[in-house]
Amino acid sequence: GLFLFAACGGGSDDADPAAGGEASSTVTLRDSAFEPADPVITAGTVELVNEGESPHTFTIEGEDVDVEVEAGQTTTATVDLPAGTYTLFCSFHRGQGMEGTLTVDA
């Protein structure tokens, strides 16, 4: 399948979200925005890269996922949710529009 092409690739290419390294998916946190704005991930480990100058959170509304990422840091979150759409936001910057729709792919 497609996931073989980037199996040993690096981080910042906008490849197929199922392209694998350690994490099944990567979401970048910038100042007041997620990238992609409406991420599509596979359930499991999600790499969170904070390229902003402030700490951000990867928070899924109504679910037990709330991970803080310090400025300039990379961490991972475990998203063990059924396929569907969820509201994703940063608890620090939601008022500035840091919110999107997270889709968990089966």
Protein backbone atom coordinates (compact mmCIF):
# COMPACT_ATOMS: atom_id res chain seq x y z
CA GLY A 1 0.00 0.00 0.00
CA LEU A 2 0.84 3.66 0.02
CA PHE A 3 2.20 3.55 3.53
CA LEU A 4 5.39 1.86 2.36
CA PHE A 5 6.66 4.83 0.37
CA ALA A 6 7.53 7.09 3.29
CA ALA A 7 8.30 4.43 5.87
CA CYS A 8 11.77 5.82 6.45
CA GLY A 9 11.01 9.41 5.49
CA GLY A 10 11.39 12.52 7.61
CA GLY A 11 8.82 14.71 9.29
CA SER A 12 7.66 17.79 7.45
CA ASP A 13 6.45 16.53 4.07
CA ASP A 14 2.72 16.66 3.47
CA ALA A 15 2.53 13.02 2.49
CA ASP A 16 -0.22 10.48 3.00
CA PRO A 17 -1.27 10.75 6.67
CA ALA A 18 -0.78 7.00 7.02
CA ALA A 19 2.91 7.36 6.08
CA GLY A 20 4.73 5.81 8.95
CA GLY A 21 7.58 6.51 11.26
CA GLU A 22 6.99 6.01 14.95
CA ALA A 23 3.74 7.95 15.02
CA SER A 24 0.76 7.15 12.87
CA SER A 25 0.08 10.84 12.26
CA THR A 26 1.62 14.25 12.87
CA VAL A 27 -0.11 17.48 13.83
CA THR A 28 1.89 20.71 13.96
CA LEU A 29 0.92 23.39 16.48
CA ARG A 30 1.77 26.95 15.48
CA ASP A 31 0.77 30.21 17.09
CA SER A 32 -3.04 30.15 17.06
CA ALA A 33 -3.36 27.38 14.45
CA PHE A 34 -3.13 23.66 13.93
CA GLU A 35 -1.53 22.39 10.74
CA PRO A 36 -3.35 20.91 9.01
CA ALA A 37 -6.25 22.98 10.37
CA ASP A 38 -8.58 19.94 10.21
CA PRO A 39 -6.27 16.97 10.72
CA VAL A 40 -7.13 13.45 9.63
CA ILE A 41 -5.34 10.89 11.77
CA THR A 42 -5.38 7.18 12.35
CA ALA A 43 -6.14 6.02 15.87
CA GLY A 44 -3.01 5.39 17.89
CA THR A 45 0.05 7.53 18.47
CA VAL A 46 -0.02 11.08 17.12
CA GLU A 47 3.15 13.14 16.95
CA LEU A 48 2.60 16.71 18.15
CA VAL A 49 5.12 19.29 16.96
CA ASN A 50 4.93 22.77 18.50
CA GLU A 51 6.60 25.20 16.10
CA GLY A 52 5.09 28.21 17.85
CA GLU A 53 6.53 30.55 20.44
CA SER A 54 3.93 29.66 23.08
CA PRO A 55 2.87 26.41 24.73
CA HIS A 56 -0.18 24.84 23.11
CA THR A 57 -2.51 21.99 23.92
CA PHE A 58 -3.87 19.23 21.73
CA THR A 59 -7.28 18.87 23.34
CA ILE A 60 -10.21 16.84 22.00
CA GLU A 61 -13.52 18.16 23.28
CA GLY A 62 -15.45 15.69 25.42
CA GLU A 63 -12.67 13.08 25.32
CA ASP A 64 -9.83 12.19 27.65
CA VAL A 65 -7.18 13.72 25.38
CA ASP A 66 -5.49 16.90 26.63
CA VAL A 67 -1.76 17.09 25.94
CA GLU A 68 0.31 20.21 26.54
CA VAL A 69 3.28 20.83 24.25
CA GLU A 70 5.87 23.42 25.27
CA ALA A 71 7.14 25.92 22.67
CA GLY A 72 9.64 24.32 20.32
CA GLN A 73 9.00 20.81 21.66
CA THR A 74 7.70 17.59 20.12
CA THR A 75 5.71 15.02 22.04
CA THR A 76 3.18 12.31 21.33
CA ALA A 77 -0.44 11.76 22.28
CA THR A 78 -2.38 8.53 22.22
CA VAL A 79 -5.71 8.94 20.48
CA ASP A 80 -7.66 5.76 21.09
CA LEU A 81 -11.01 6.88 19.71
CA PRO A 82 -13.51 5.31 17.34
CA ALA A 83 -13.56 6.55 13.76
CA GLY A 84 -15.46 9.80 13.45
CA THR A 85 -15.07 13.55 13.80
CA TYR A 86 -14.19 15.43 16.97
CA THR A 87 -13.61 19.05 17.93
CA LEU A 88 -9.89 19.73 18.37
CA PHE A 89 -8.69 22.86 20.15
CA CYS A 90 -5.89 24.46 22.14
CA SER A 91 -7.15 25.30 25.61
CA PHE A 92 -4.85 28.35 25.73
CA HIS A 93 -5.72 29.82 22.34
CA ARG A 94 -9.23 28.64 21.51
CA GLY A 95 -10.46 32.22 21.83
CA GLN A 96 -8.04 33.21 19.04
CA GLY A 97 -9.48 30.59 16.72
CA MET A 98 -7.10 27.70 17.45
CA GLU A 99 -9.77 25.10 16.85
CA GLY A 100 -10.54 22.62 14.12
CA THR A 101 -12.17 19.35 13.26
CA LEU A 102 -10.18 16.21 13.96
CA THR A 103 -11.13 13.19 11.89
CA VAL A 104 -10.13 9.76 13.17
CA ASP A 105 -9.85 7.35 10.28
CA ALA A 106 -10.73 3.69 10.77
